[in-house]
């Protein structure tokens, strides 16, 4: 994973956690929110969801009844 991928992951995770975009933009050094919103904010989310779905298939939740 390179620094760009880490940056994208950071922005996506912060966004998904409900951190305001204005705060995220300041954390990553943007002077406004436009770049954060258009470039970073949603790029990694589909990858994270696909990865989580795959892990759910590999490790299904235990049945609490068993």
PDB file of N, CA and C in Angstrom:
ATOM      1  N   UNK A   1       0.852  -1.166   0.000  1.00  0.00           N
ATOM      2  CA  UNK A   1       0.000   0.000   0.000  1.00  0.00           C
ATOM      3  C   UNK A   1       0.900   1.231   0.000  1.00  0.00           C
ATOM      4  N   UNK A   2       0.622   2.163  -0.905  1.00  0.00           N
ATOM      5  CA  UNK A   2       1.432   3.382  -0.954  1.00  0.00           C
ATOM      6  C   UNK A   2       0.742   4.503  -0.170  1.00  0.00           C
ATOM      7  N   UNK A   3       1.410   5.659  -0.083  1.00  0.00           N
ATOM      8  CA  UNK A   3       0.875   6.759   0.723  1.00  0.00           C
ATOM      9  C   UNK A   3      -0.437   7.296   0.174  1.00  0.00           C
ATOM     10  N   UNK A   4      -0.603   7.263  -1.139  1.00  0.00           N
ATOM     11  CA  UNK A   4      -1.868   7.715  -1.728  1.00  0.00           C
ATOM     12  C   UNK A   4      -3.035   6.835  -1.308  1.00  0.00           C
ATOM     13  N   UNK A   5      -2.804   5.524  -1.304  1.00  0.00           N
ATOM     14  CA  UNK A   5      -3.852   4.593  -0.877  1.00  0.00           C
ATOM     15  C   UNK A   5      -4.179   4.778   0.596  1.00  0.00           C
ATOM     16  N   UNK A   6      -3.157   5.011   1.408  1.00  0.00           N
ATOM     17  CA  UNK A   6      -3.393   5.265   2.827  1.00  0.00           C
ATOM     18  C   UNK A   6      -4.208   6.541   3.031  1.00  0.00           C
ATOM     19  N   UNK A   7      -3.890   7.549   2.252  1.00  0.00           N
ATOM     20  CA  UNK A   7      -4.617   8.825   2.339  1.00  0.00           C
ATOM     21  C   UNK A   7      -6.085   8.631   1.965  1.00  0.00           C
ATOM     22  N   UNK A   8      -6.331   7.910   0.887  1.00  0.00           N
ATOM     23  CA  UNK A   8      -7.705   7.645   0.462  1.00  0.00           C
ATOM     24  C   UNK A   8      -8.450   6.834   1.525  1.00  0.00           C
ATOM     25  N   UNK A   9      -7.782   5.842   2.085  1.00  0.00           N
ATOM     26  CA  UNK A   9      -8.403   5.035   3.138  1.00  0.00           C
ATOM     27  C   UNK A   9      -8.741   5.897   4.342  1.00  0.00           C
ATOM     28  N   UNK A  10      -7.808   6.748   4.737  1.00  0.00           N
ATOM     29  CA  UNK A  10      -8.028   7.632   5.877  1.00  0.00           C
ATOM     30  C   UNK A  10      -9.257   8.501   5.661  1.00  0.00           C
ATOM     31  N   UNK A  11      -9.337   9.150   4.507  1.00  0.00           N
ATOM     32  CA  UNK A  11     -10.471  10.037   4.217  1.00  0.00           C
ATOM     33  C   UNK A  11     -11.779   9.245   4.208  1.00  0.00           C
ATOM     34  N   UNK A  12     -11.790   8.091   3.582  1.00  0.00           N
ATOM     35  CA  UNK A  12     -13.009   7.286   3.517  1.00  0.00           C
ATOM     36  C   UNK A  12     -13.446   6.806   4.895  1.00  0.00           C
ATOM     37  N   UNK A  13     -12.508   6.337   5.696  1.00  0.00           N
ATOM     38  CA  UNK A  13     -12.849   5.860   7.036  1.00  0.00           C
ATOM     39  C   UNK A  13     -13.362   6.994   7.913  1.00  0.00           C
ATOM     40  N   UNK A  14     -12.731   8.148   7.828  1.00  0.00           N
ATOM     41  CA  UNK A  14     -13.198   9.305   8.592  1.00  0.00           C
ATOM     42  C   UNK A  14     -14.607   9.698   8.144  1.00  0.00           C
ATOM     43  N   UNK A  15     -14.830   9.709   6.845  1.00  0.00           N
ATOM     44  CA  UNK A  15     -16.136  10.064   6.304  1.00  0.00           C
ATOM     45  C   UNK A  15     -17.205   9.076   6.756  1.00  0.00           C
ATOM     46  N   UNK A  16     -16.902   7.785   6.654  1.00  0.00           N
ATOM     47  CA  UNK A  16     -17.853   6.756   7.060  1.00  0.00           C
ATOM     48  C   UNK A  16     -18.150   6.816   8.560  1.00  0.00           C
ATOM     49  N   UNK A  17     -17.205   7.343   9.339  1.00  0.00           N
ATOM     50  CA  UNK A  17     -17.400   7.467  10.788  1.00  0.00           C
ATOM     51  C   UNK A  17     -18.187   8.724  11.152  1.00  0.00           C
ATOM     52  N   UNK A  18     -18.559   9.507  10.142  1.00  0.00           N
ATOM     53  CA  UNK A  18     -19.379  10.688  10.392  1.00  0.00           C
ATOM     54  C   UNK A  18     -18.611  11.959  10.689  1.00  0.00           C
ATOM     55  N   UNK A  19     -17.312  11.948  10.458  1.00  0.00           N
ATOM     56  CA  UNK A  19     -16.509  13.154  10.687  1.00  0.00           C
ATOM     57  C   UNK A  19     -16.891  14.177   9.610  1.00  0.00           C
ATOM     58  N   UNK A  20     -17.172  15.414   9.991  1.00  0.00           N
ATOM     59  CA  UNK A  20     -17.558  16.438   9.008  1.00  0.00           C
ATOM     60  C   UNK A  20     -16.477  16.628   7.941  1.00  0.00           C
ATOM     61  N   UNK A  21     -16.919  16.817   6.714  1.00  0.00           N
ATOM     62  CA  UNK A  21     -15.989  16.948   5.590  1.00  0.00           C
ATOM     63  C   UNK A  21     -15.056  18.142   5.777  1.00  0.00           C
ATOM     64  N   UNK A  22     -15.511  19.190   6.440  1.00  0.00           N
ATOM     65  CA  UNK A  22     -14.654  20.354   6.687  1.00  0.00           C
ATOM     66  C   UNK A  22     -13.452  19.969   7.555  1.00  0.00           C
ATOM     67  N   UNK A  23     -13.691  19.141   8.535  1.00  0.00           N
ATOM     68  CA  UNK A  23     -12.616  18.696   9.428  1.00  0.00           C
ATOM     69  C   UNK A  23     -11.656  17.768   8.682  1.00  0.00           C
ATOM     70  N   UNK A  24     -12.207  16.855   7.886  1.00  0.00           N
ATOM     71  CA  UNK A  24     -11.359  15.941   7.105  1.00  0.00           C
ATOM     72  C   UNK A  24     -10.479  16.740   6.150  1.00  0.00           C
ATOM     73  N   UNK A  25     -11.072  17.714   5.469  1.00  0.00           N
ATOM     74  CA  UNK A  25     -10.307  18.535   4.525  1.00  0.00           C
ATOM     75  C   UNK A  25      -9.129  19.208   5.212  1.00  0.00           C
ATOM     76  N   UNK A  26      -9.359  19.740   6.405  1.00  0.00           N
ATOM     77  CA  UNK A  26      -8.253  20.375   7.151  1.00  0.00           C
ATOM     78  C   UNK A  26      -7.188  19.353   7.525  1.00  0.00           C
ATOM     79  N   UNK A  27      -7.623  18.156   7.936  1.00  0.00           N
ATOM     80  CA  UNK A  27      -6.662  17.123   8.334  1.00  0.00           C
ATOM     81  C   UNK A  27      -5.740  16.700   7.194  1.00  0.00           C
ATOM     82  N   UNK A  28      -6.263  16.686   5.971  1.00  0.00           N
ATOM     83  CA  UNK A  28      -5.438  16.257   4.836  1.00  0.00           C
ATOM     84  C   UNK A  28      -4.816  17.434   4.077  1.00  0.00           C
ATOM     85  N   UNK A  29      -4.969  18.645   4.612  1.00  0.00           N
ATOM     86  CA  UNK A  29      -4.280  19.801   4.053  1.00  0.00           C
ATOM     87  C   UNK A  29      -4.971  20.495   2.899  1.00  0.00           C
ATOM     88  N   UNK A  30      -6.261  20.279   2.730  1.00  0.00           N
ATOM     89  CA  UNK A  30      -6.987  20.980   1.672  1.00  0.00           C
ATOM     90  C   UNK A  30      -7.475  22.331   2.200  1.00  0.00           C
ATOM     91  N   UNK A  31      -7.445  23.346   1.330  1.00  0.00           N
ATOM     92  CA  UNK A  31      -7.878  24.678   1.753  1.00  0.00           C
ATOM     93  C   UNK A  31      -9.402  24.797   1.797  1.00  0.00           C
ATOM     94  N   UNK A  32     -10.090  23.931   1.096  1.00  0.00           N
ATOM     95  CA  UNK A  32     -11.554  23.894   1.104  1.00  0.00           C
ATOM     96  C   UNK A  32     -12.011  22.450   1.040  1.00  0.00           C
ATOM     97  N   UNK A  33     -13.308  22.241   0.845  1.00  0.00           N
ATOM     98  CA  UNK A  33     -13.837  20.877   0.855  1.00  0.00           C
ATOM     99  C   UNK A  33     -14.029  20.272  -0.530  1.00  0.00           C
ATOM    100  N   UNK A  34     -13.895  21.066  -1.581  1.00  0.00           N
ATOM    101  CA  UNK A  34     -14.187  20.576  -2.931  1.00  0.00           C
ATOM    102  C   UNK A  34     -13.342  19.364  -3.304  1.00  0.00           C
ATOM    103  N   UNK A  35     -12.037  19.444  -3.120  1.00  0.00           N
ATOM    104  CA  UNK A  35     -11.160  18.323  -3.471  1.00  0.00           C
ATOM    105  C   UNK A  35     -11.488  17.105  -2.633  1.00  0.00           C
ATOM    106  N   UNK A  36     -11.695  17.309  -1.355  1.00  0.00           N
ATOM    107  CA  UNK A  36     -12.018  16.193  -0.462  1.00  0.00           C
ATOM    108  C   UNK A  36     -13.291  15.495  -0.923  1.00  0.00           C
ATOM    109  N   UNK A  37     -14.303  16.269  -1.252  1.00  0.00           N
ATOM    110  CA  UNK A  37     -15.592  15.699  -1.644  1.00  0.00           C
ATOM    111  C   UNK A  37     -15.541  15.009  -3.004  1.00  0.00           C
ATOM    112  N   UNK A  38     -14.841  15.601  -3.953  1.00  0.00           N
ATOM    113  CA  UNK A  38     -14.875  15.060  -5.315  1.00  0.00           C
ATOM    114  C   UNK A  38     -13.844  13.984  -5.581  1.00  0.00           C
ATOM    115  N   UNK A  39     -12.692  14.064  -4.957  1.00  0.00           N
ATOM    116  CA  UNK A  39     -11.611  13.130  -5.277  1.00  0.00           C
ATOM    117  C   UNK A  39     -11.521  11.989  -4.290  1.00  0.00           C
ATOM    118  N   UNK A  40     -11.539  12.291  -3.010  1.00  0.00           N
ATOM    119  CA  UNK A  40     -11.194  11.281  -2.018  1.00  0.00           C
ATOM    120  C   UNK A  40     -12.371  10.576  -1.370  1.00  0.00           C
ATOM    121  N   UNK A  41     -13.397  11.272  -1.072  1.00  0.00           N
ATOM    122  CA  UNK A  41     -14.387  10.811  -0.106  1.00  0.00           C
ATOM    123  C   UNK A  41     -15.024   9.470  -0.427  1.00  0.00           C
ATOM    124  N   UNK A  42     -15.328   9.176  -1.668  1.00  0.00           N
ATOM    125  CA  UNK A  42     -16.073   7.957  -1.979  1.00  0.00           C
ATOM    126  C   UNK A  42     -15.278   6.903  -2.736  1.00  0.00           C
ATOM    127  N   UNK A  43     -14.006   7.145  -3.002  1.00  0.00           N
ATOM    128  CA  UNK A  43     -13.251   6.230  -3.850  1.00  0.00           C
ATOM    129  C   UNK A  43     -12.999   4.868  -3.218  1.00  0.00           C
ATOM    130  N   UNK A  44     -12.735   4.813  -1.949  1.00  0.00           N
ATOM    131  CA  UNK A  44     -12.344   3.532  -1.350  1.00  0.00           C
ATOM    132  C   UNK A  44     -13.541   2.763  -0.801  1.00  0.00           C
ATOM    133  N   UNK A  45     -14.670   3.417  -0.574  1.00  0.00           N
ATOM    134  CA  UNK A  45     -15.823   2.756   0.042  1.00  0.00           C
ATOM    135  C   UNK A  45     -16.231   1.470  -0.669  1.00  0.00           C
ATOM    136  N   UNK A  46     -16.366   1.439  -2.015  1.00  0.00           N
ATOM    137  CA  UNK A  46     -16.739   0.168  -2.663  1.00  0.00           C
ATOM    138  C   UNK A  46     -15.726  -0.949  -2.410  1.00  0.00           C
ATOM    139  N   UNK A  47     -14.457  -0.612  -2.330  1.00  0.00           N
ATOM    140  CA  UNK A  47     -13.427  -1.613  -2.068  1.00  0.00           C
ATOM    141  C   UNK A  47     -13.586  -2.163  -0.654  1.00  0.00           C
ATOM    142  N   UNK A  48     -13.835  -1.283   0.302  1.00  0.00           N
ATOM    143  CA  UNK A  48     -14.034  -1.722   1.683  1.00  0.00           C
ATOM    144  C   UNK A  48     -15.257  -2.618   1.815  1.00  0.00           C
ATOM    145  N   UNK A  49     -16.332  -2.248   1.144  1.00  0.00           N
ATOM    146  CA  UNK A  49     -17.563  -3.045   1.211  1.00  0.00           C
ATOM    147  C   UNK A  49     -17.341  -4.410   0.581  1.00  0.00           C
ATOM    148  N   UNK A  50     -16.689  -4.458  -0.567  1.00  0.00           N
ATOM    149  CA  UNK A  50     -16.393  -5.746  -1.209  1.00  0.00           C
ATOM    150  C   UNK A  50     -15.521  -6.617  -0.305  1.00  0.00           C
ATOM    151  N   UNK A  51     -14.526  -6.013   0.321  1.00  0.00           N
ATOM    152  CA  UNK A  51     -13.662  -6.765   1.219  1.00  0.00           C
ATOM    153  C   UNK A  51     -14.423  -7.298   2.426  1.00  0.00           C
ATOM    154  N   UNK A  52     -15.287  -6.475   2.994  1.00  0.00           N
ATOM    155  CA  UNK A  52     -16.085  -6.914   4.146  1.00  0.00           C
ATOM    156  C   UNK A  52     -17.042  -8.037   3.747  1.00  0.00           C
ATOM    157  N   UNK A  53     -17.656  -7.918   2.570  1.00  0.00           N
ATOM    158  CA  UNK A  53     -18.556  -8.978   2.090  1.00  0.00           C
ATOM    159  C   UNK A  53     -17.800 -10.291   1.903  1.00  0.00           C
ATOM    160  N   UNK A  54     -16.599 -10.207   1.362  1.00  0.00           N
ATOM    161  CA  UNK A  54     -15.781 -11.403   1.169  1.00  0.00           C
ATOM    162  C   UNK A  54     -15.440 -12.038   2.511  1.00  0.00           C
ATOM    163  N   UNK A  55     -15.043 -11.224   3.479  1.00  0.00           N
ATOM    164  CA  UNK A  55     -14.718 -11.757   4.804  1.00  0.00           C
ATOM    165  C   UNK A  55     -15.947 -12.382   5.459  1.00  0.00           C
ATOM    166  N   UNK A  56     -17.115 -11.791   5.247  1.00  0.00           N
ATOM    167  CA  UNK A  56     -18.353 -12.369   5.791  1.00  0.00           C
ATOM    168  C   UNK A  56     -18.631 -13.743   5.187  1.00  0.00           C
ATOM    169  N   UNK A  57     -18.316 -13.905   3.908  1.00  0.00           N
ATOM    170  CA  UNK A  57     -18.516 -15.215   3.272  1.00  0.00           C
ATOM    171  C   UNK A  57     -17.505 -16.238   3.793  1.00  0.00           C
ATOM    172  N   UNK A  58     -16.274 -15.794   4.010  1.00  0.00           N
ATOM    173  CA  UNK A  58     -15.231 -16.694   4.494  1.00  0.00           C
ATOM    174  C   UNK A  58     -15.484 -17.075   5.957  1.00  0.00           C
ATOM    175  N   UNK A  59     -15.879 -16.091   6.759  1.00  0.00           N
ATOM    176  CA  UNK A  59     -16.088 -16.301   8.187  1.00  0.00           C
ATOM    177  C   UNK A  59     -17.524 -15.934   8.555  1.00  0.00           C
ATOM    178  N   UNK A  60     -18.480 -16.807   8.230  1.00  0.00           N
ATOM    179  CA  UNK A  60     -19.875 -16.470   8.529  1.00  0.00           C
ATOM    180  C   UNK A  60     -20.085 -16.307  10.031  1.00  0.00           C
ATOM    181  N   UNK A  61     -21.047 -15.488  10.366  1.00  0.00           N
ATOM    182  CA  UNK A  61     -21.359 -15.253  11.781  1.00  0.00           C
ATOM    183  C   UNK A  61     -21.818 -16.545  12.420  1.00  0.00           C
ATOM    184  N   UNK A  62     -21.385 -16.767  13.637  1.00  0.00           N
ATOM    185  CA  UNK A  62     -21.788 -17.954  14.367  1.00  0.00           C
ATOM    186  C   UNK A  62     -23.262 -17.850  14.721  1.00  0.00           C
ATOM    187  N   UNK A  63     -23.966 -18.943  14.635  1.00  0.00           N
ATOM    188  CA  UNK A  63     -25.374 -18.996  15.003  1.00  0.00           C
ATOM    189  C   UNK A  63     -25.474 -19.004  16.527  1.00  0.00           C
ATOM    190  N   UNK A  64     -26.077 -17.967  17.132  1.00  0.00           N
ATOM    191  CA  UNK A  64     -26.143 -17.903  18.591  1.00  0.00           C
ATOM    192  C   UNK A  64     -27.000 -19.032  19.187  1.00  0.00           C
ATOM    193  N   UNK A  65     -27.798 -19.713  18.369  1.00  0.00           N
ATOM    194  CA  UNK A  65     -28.651 -20.807  18.830  1.00  0.00           C
ATOM    195  C   UNK A  65     -27.880 -22.119  18.968  1.00  0.00           C
ATOM    196  N   UNK A  66     -26.689 -22.190  18.352  1.00  0.00           N
ATOM    197  CA  UNK A  66     -25.966 -23.478  18.368  1.00  0.00           C
ATOM    198  C   UNK A  66     -24.998 -23.614  19.496  1.00  0.00           C
TER     199      UNK A  66
END
